[in-house]
N, C-alpha and C. Protein backbone atom coordinates (compact mmCIF):
# COMPACT_ATOMS: atom_id res chain seq x y z
N MET A 1 -68.81 38.12 -8.01
CA MET A 1 -69.64 37.39 -8.90
C MET A 1 -71.07 37.47 -8.39
N ALA A 2 -72.06 37.67 -9.31
CA ALA A 2 -73.40 37.83 -8.95
C ALA A 2 -74.04 36.46 -8.79
N ILE A 3 -73.37 35.33 -9.03
CA ILE A 3 -73.92 33.97 -8.97
C ILE A 3 -73.37 33.40 -7.63
N SER A 4 -74.37 33.01 -6.82
CA SER A 4 -73.94 32.40 -5.46
C SER A 4 -74.29 30.98 -5.46
N ILE A 5 -73.33 30.19 -4.72
CA ILE A 5 -73.71 28.80 -4.53
C ILE A 5 -74.08 28.54 -3.10
N ARG A 6 -75.20 27.97 -2.92
CA ARG A 6 -75.80 27.81 -1.68
C ARG A 6 -75.87 26.22 -1.27
N LEU A 7 -74.94 25.57 -1.64
CA LEU A 7 -74.78 24.20 -1.34
C LEU A 7 -74.77 23.95 0.22
N ASP A 8 -74.05 24.78 0.93
CA ASP A 8 -73.92 24.69 2.30
C ASP A 8 -75.33 24.65 3.08
N ARG A 9 -76.18 25.69 2.55
CA ARG A 9 -77.49 25.72 3.05
C ARG A 9 -78.33 24.43 2.85
N MET A 10 -78.22 23.87 1.66
CA MET A 10 -78.94 22.68 1.38
C MET A 10 -78.38 21.56 2.18
N LEU A 11 -77.17 21.49 2.38
CA LEU A 11 -76.57 20.35 3.27
C LEU A 11 -77.08 20.39 4.63
N VAL A 12 -77.24 21.66 5.16
CA VAL A 12 -77.71 21.79 6.59
C VAL A 12 -79.20 21.44 6.63
N GLU A 13 -80.01 21.91 5.68
CA GLU A 13 -81.49 21.63 5.57
C GLU A 13 -81.59 20.07 5.43
N ARG A 14 -80.74 19.36 4.76
CA ARG A 14 -80.91 17.92 4.52
C ARG A 14 -80.15 17.13 5.67
N LYS A 15 -79.53 17.83 6.55
CA LYS A 15 -78.71 17.20 7.57
C LYS A 15 -77.84 16.16 6.93
N MET A 16 -76.91 16.71 6.03
CA MET A 16 -76.10 15.80 5.24
C MET A 16 -74.67 16.38 5.40
N THR A 17 -73.67 15.51 5.44
CA THR A 17 -72.28 16.08 5.35
C THR A 17 -71.78 16.20 3.95
N LEU A 18 -70.75 16.87 3.73
CA LEU A 18 -70.14 16.91 2.39
C LEU A 18 -69.62 15.68 1.96
N VAL A 19 -69.01 14.91 2.93
CA VAL A 19 -68.52 13.63 2.62
C VAL A 19 -69.60 12.65 2.12
N GLU A 20 -70.71 12.61 2.89
CA GLU A 20 -71.80 11.72 2.50
C GLU A 20 -72.34 12.21 1.06
N LEU A 21 -72.48 13.49 0.79
CA LEU A 21 -72.89 13.93 -0.44
C LEU A 21 -71.96 13.53 -1.52
N SER A 22 -70.62 13.57 -1.25
CA SER A 22 -69.64 13.21 -2.23
C SER A 22 -69.70 11.71 -2.67
N LYS A 23 -70.03 10.92 -1.65
CA LYS A 23 -70.20 9.52 -1.86
C LYS A 23 -71.49 9.16 -2.84
N ARG A 24 -72.54 9.95 -2.49
CA ARG A 24 -73.78 9.75 -3.24
C ARG A 24 -73.69 10.27 -4.63
N VAL A 25 -73.01 11.34 -4.84
CA VAL A 25 -72.72 11.95 -6.13
C VAL A 25 -71.68 11.38 -6.92
N GLY A 26 -70.61 10.79 -6.35
CA GLY A 26 -69.50 10.26 -7.12
C GLY A 26 -68.46 11.34 -7.41
N ALA A 27 -68.41 12.40 -6.62
CA ALA A 27 -67.44 13.47 -6.84
C ALA A 27 -66.58 13.42 -5.50
N THR A 28 -65.32 13.95 -5.66
CA THR A 28 -64.42 14.02 -4.46
C THR A 28 -64.97 15.10 -3.54
N PRO A 29 -64.74 14.83 -2.16
CA PRO A 29 -65.06 15.96 -1.30
C PRO A 29 -64.35 17.25 -1.51
N VAL A 30 -63.07 17.16 -2.13
CA VAL A 30 -62.33 18.46 -2.31
C VAL A 30 -63.10 19.23 -3.44
N ASN A 31 -63.54 18.57 -4.47
CA ASN A 31 -64.21 19.21 -5.63
C ASN A 31 -65.51 19.75 -5.09
N LEU A 32 -66.30 19.09 -4.35
CA LEU A 32 -67.65 19.64 -3.75
C LEU A 32 -67.35 20.81 -2.77
N SER A 33 -66.23 20.66 -2.03
CA SER A 33 -65.73 21.83 -1.11
C SER A 33 -65.48 23.03 -2.00
N LYS A 34 -64.75 22.95 -3.09
CA LYS A 34 -64.50 24.09 -4.01
C LYS A 34 -65.81 24.60 -4.52
N LEU A 35 -66.77 23.79 -4.86
CA LEU A 35 -67.96 24.20 -5.36
C LEU A 35 -68.81 25.02 -4.31
N LYS A 36 -68.81 24.37 -3.10
CA LYS A 36 -69.48 24.96 -2.01
C LYS A 36 -68.91 26.33 -1.60
N ALA A 37 -67.60 26.56 -1.83
CA ALA A 37 -66.98 27.72 -1.47
C ALA A 37 -67.00 28.84 -2.67
N GLY A 38 -67.61 28.39 -3.80
CA GLY A 38 -67.61 29.14 -4.95
C GLY A 38 -66.25 29.49 -5.60
N LYS A 39 -65.47 28.46 -5.58
CA LYS A 39 -64.07 28.58 -6.07
C LYS A 39 -63.92 27.81 -7.46
N VAL A 40 -65.04 27.66 -8.15
CA VAL A 40 -65.04 26.98 -9.40
C VAL A 40 -65.63 27.91 -10.38
N SER A 41 -65.19 27.69 -11.63
CA SER A 41 -65.71 28.59 -12.76
C SER A 41 -66.83 27.85 -13.42
N GLY A 42 -67.18 26.65 -13.20
CA GLY A 42 -68.23 25.87 -13.90
C GLY A 42 -68.58 24.64 -13.12
N VAL A 43 -69.71 23.99 -13.49
CA VAL A 43 -70.09 22.72 -12.96
C VAL A 43 -70.75 21.98 -14.11
N ARG A 44 -70.44 20.69 -14.13
CA ARG A 44 -71.06 19.87 -15.31
C ARG A 44 -72.58 19.68 -14.94
N PHE A 45 -73.38 19.64 -15.90
CA PHE A 45 -74.82 19.32 -15.67
C PHE A 45 -74.99 17.98 -15.08
N SER A 46 -74.22 17.11 -15.32
CA SER A 46 -74.32 15.66 -14.85
C SER A 46 -73.98 15.71 -13.32
N THR A 47 -73.07 16.53 -12.89
CA THR A 47 -72.71 16.70 -11.43
C THR A 47 -73.91 17.49 -10.75
N LEU A 48 -74.36 18.47 -11.38
CA LEU A 48 -75.39 19.27 -10.89
C LEU A 48 -76.75 18.28 -10.64
N ASP A 49 -76.87 17.53 -11.77
CA ASP A 49 -78.02 16.66 -11.69
C ASP A 49 -77.96 15.62 -10.47
N ALA A 50 -76.71 15.11 -10.33
CA ALA A 50 -76.45 14.19 -9.20
C ALA A 50 -76.61 14.79 -7.77
N ILE A 51 -76.14 16.02 -7.77
CA ILE A 51 -76.32 16.75 -6.47
C ILE A 51 -77.78 17.01 -6.12
N CYS A 52 -78.53 17.44 -7.27
CA CYS A 52 -79.99 17.73 -7.09
C CYS A 52 -80.65 16.49 -6.65
N GLU A 53 -80.37 15.35 -7.19
CA GLU A 53 -80.92 14.10 -6.87
C GLU A 53 -80.64 13.56 -5.47
N ALA A 54 -79.40 13.76 -5.04
CA ALA A 54 -78.90 13.40 -3.73
C ALA A 54 -79.57 14.29 -2.64
N LEU A 55 -79.76 15.55 -2.91
CA LEU A 55 -80.41 16.53 -2.08
C LEU A 55 -81.79 16.70 -2.17
N ASP A 56 -82.48 16.11 -3.20
CA ASP A 56 -83.94 16.17 -3.51
C ASP A 56 -84.25 17.58 -3.58
N CYS A 57 -83.60 18.40 -4.60
CA CYS A 57 -83.86 19.76 -4.69
C CYS A 57 -83.67 20.16 -6.25
N GLN A 58 -83.93 21.41 -6.41
CA GLN A 58 -83.84 21.92 -7.86
C GLN A 58 -82.50 22.67 -7.94
N PRO A 59 -81.98 22.89 -9.20
CA PRO A 59 -80.84 23.69 -9.37
C PRO A 59 -80.84 25.09 -8.72
N GLY A 60 -82.05 25.67 -8.91
CA GLY A 60 -82.22 26.97 -8.36
C GLY A 60 -82.13 27.11 -6.75
N ASP A 61 -82.20 25.94 -6.11
CA ASP A 61 -82.02 25.86 -4.64
C ASP A 61 -80.44 25.93 -4.27
N ILE A 62 -79.65 25.56 -5.25
CA ILE A 62 -78.21 25.55 -5.08
C ILE A 62 -77.58 26.82 -5.64
N ILE A 63 -77.88 27.10 -6.94
CA ILE A 63 -77.31 28.23 -7.67
C ILE A 63 -78.27 29.35 -7.68
N VAL A 64 -77.91 30.59 -7.22
CA VAL A 64 -78.69 31.71 -7.13
C VAL A 64 -78.11 32.82 -7.79
N TYR A 65 -78.86 33.65 -8.58
CA TYR A 65 -78.41 34.74 -9.38
C TYR A 65 -78.86 36.04 -8.74
N SER A 66 -78.09 36.98 -8.54
CA SER A 66 -78.63 38.41 -8.20
C SER A 66 -77.93 39.44 -8.90
N LYS A 67 -78.61 40.47 -9.22
CA LYS A 67 -77.93 41.60 -9.99
C LYS A 67 -76.81 42.26 -9.19
N GLU A 68 -77.00 42.43 -7.96
CA GLU A 68 -76.05 43.01 -7.07
C GLU A 68 -75.38 42.08 -6.10
N ASP A 69 -74.09 42.20 -5.97
CA ASP A 69 -73.29 41.22 -5.19
C ASP A 69 -72.90 41.88 -3.90
N PRO A 70 -73.58 41.71 -2.73
CA PRO A 70 -73.20 42.31 -1.51
C PRO A 70 -71.88 41.93 -1.02
N GLN A 71 -71.24 40.78 -1.61
CA GLN A 71 -69.94 40.34 -1.12
C GLN A 71 -68.89 41.19 -1.75
N ASN A 72 -69.18 41.83 -3.01
CA ASN A 72 -68.22 42.60 -3.69
C ASN A 72 -68.86 43.89 -4.23
N PRO A 73 -68.91 44.95 -3.39
CA PRO A 73 -69.66 46.14 -3.91
C PRO A 73 -69.07 46.71 -5.14
N ASP A 74 -67.76 46.45 -5.57
CA ASP A 74 -67.19 46.96 -6.72
C ASP A 74 -67.87 46.37 -8.01
N LEU A 75 -68.50 45.22 -7.87
CA LEU A 75 -69.11 44.58 -9.06
C LEU A 75 -70.58 44.95 -9.01
N MET A 76 -71.16 45.67 -8.17
CA MET A 76 -72.61 46.10 -8.23
C MET A 76 -72.77 46.96 -9.41
N PRO A 77 -73.92 46.73 -10.17
CA PRO A 77 -74.13 47.57 -11.31
C PRO A 77 -74.14 49.05 -11.03
N SER A 78 -74.61 49.42 -9.80
CA SER A 78 -74.63 50.78 -9.47
C SER A 78 -73.25 51.40 -9.38
N ALA A 79 -72.30 50.64 -8.91
CA ALA A 79 -70.85 51.12 -8.85
C ALA A 79 -70.23 51.12 -10.18
N ILE A 80 -70.62 50.19 -11.04
CA ILE A 80 -70.01 50.21 -12.44
C ILE A 80 -70.50 51.39 -13.22
N GLU A 81 -71.93 51.62 -13.09
CA GLU A 81 -72.52 52.74 -13.81
C GLU A 81 -71.88 54.12 -13.33
N GLU A 82 -71.44 54.25 -12.22
CA GLU A 82 -70.91 55.52 -11.55
C GLU A 82 -69.48 55.82 -12.11
N THR A 83 -68.87 54.82 -12.80
CA THR A 83 -67.59 54.96 -13.27
C THR A 83 -67.60 56.11 -14.33
N SER A 84 -66.76 57.11 -14.09
CA SER A 84 -66.66 58.15 -15.11
C SER A 84 -65.35 58.33 -15.82
N SER A 85 -65.28 59.27 -16.69
CA SER A 85 -64.00 59.44 -17.47
C SER A 85 -62.98 59.91 -16.39
N SER A 86 -63.31 60.59 -15.38
CA SER A 86 -62.30 61.03 -14.42
C SER A 86 -61.60 59.84 -13.65
N ASP A 87 -62.51 58.73 -13.50
CA ASP A 87 -62.00 57.47 -12.89
C ASP A 87 -61.03 56.84 -13.97
N MET A 88 -61.25 56.95 -15.24
CA MET A 88 -60.54 56.29 -16.19
C MET A 88 -59.29 57.04 -16.30
N ALA A 89 -59.15 58.31 -16.01
CA ALA A 89 -57.90 59.10 -15.88
C ALA A 89 -57.03 58.58 -14.91
N THR A 90 -57.46 58.00 -13.91
CA THR A 90 -56.79 57.46 -12.82
C THR A 90 -56.01 56.19 -13.38
N VAL A 91 -56.71 55.41 -14.25
CA VAL A 91 -56.02 54.32 -14.85
C VAL A 91 -54.78 54.73 -15.63
N GLY A 92 -54.88 55.94 -16.34
CA GLY A 92 -53.76 56.50 -17.15
C GLY A 92 -52.67 56.83 -16.11
N LYS A 93 -52.98 57.41 -15.07
CA LYS A 93 -51.86 57.83 -14.11
C LYS A 93 -51.14 56.54 -13.64
N LYS A 94 -51.83 55.43 -13.36
CA LYS A 94 -51.19 54.18 -12.91
C LYS A 94 -50.48 53.60 -14.00
N THR A 95 -50.90 53.55 -15.26
CA THR A 95 -50.31 52.81 -16.35
C THR A 95 -49.40 53.72 -17.15
N GLY A 96 -49.44 55.02 -16.98
CA GLY A 96 -48.70 55.91 -17.99
C GLY A 96 -49.36 56.13 -19.33
N LYS A 97 -50.55 55.63 -19.49
CA LYS A 97 -51.11 55.72 -20.78
C LYS A 97 -52.42 56.49 -20.48
N SER A 98 -52.86 57.18 -21.58
CA SER A 98 -54.18 57.94 -21.52
C SER A 98 -55.22 56.94 -21.70
N TYR A 99 -56.49 57.36 -21.38
CA TYR A 99 -57.62 56.42 -21.59
C TYR A 99 -57.60 55.94 -23.02
N LYS A 100 -57.41 56.75 -23.97
CA LYS A 100 -57.53 56.33 -25.39
C LYS A 100 -56.37 55.26 -25.66
N ASP A 101 -55.18 55.52 -25.09
CA ASP A 101 -54.12 54.61 -25.22
C ASP A 101 -54.36 53.31 -24.58
N ALA A 102 -54.93 53.32 -23.32
CA ALA A 102 -55.26 52.09 -22.64
C ALA A 102 -56.37 51.28 -23.41
N SER A 103 -57.23 51.88 -24.11
CA SER A 103 -58.33 51.20 -24.80
C SER A 103 -57.88 50.82 -26.24
N ASN A 104 -56.68 51.38 -26.73
CA ASN A 104 -56.29 51.01 -28.01
C ASN A 104 -54.84 50.44 -27.90
N PRO A 105 -54.66 49.05 -27.73
CA PRO A 105 -53.34 48.44 -27.56
C PRO A 105 -52.36 48.69 -28.78
N SER A 106 -52.96 48.97 -29.87
CA SER A 106 -51.92 49.24 -30.90
C SER A 106 -51.14 50.53 -30.95
N SER A 107 -51.58 51.47 -30.04
CA SER A 107 -50.97 52.78 -29.92
C SER A 107 -49.69 52.73 -29.10
N SER A 108 -49.29 51.53 -28.56
CA SER A 108 -48.13 51.32 -27.73
C SER A 108 -46.89 51.30 -28.43
């Protein structure tokens, strides 16, 4: 994912624990821990607002977007652009379907 959560950095900068933040925000430490680890698919604006208020920061200090994800080189745009039809043939070998069959489910 090209979106990174930097809650841990803000906590260190503010010299605050996750438990203290959870008390100020009104969210469980478990949920904030999942957010900090990037294990969530979304966050409510009300939660983000409360986090920003507690940490005296902007949403961009916590949530950062980058086009390339150094954590997962397979998701980097340069890696995706380099995918060729020969790479798609590999999909056919693994699934037993040709590229056309794999992209057209009605042909099964």
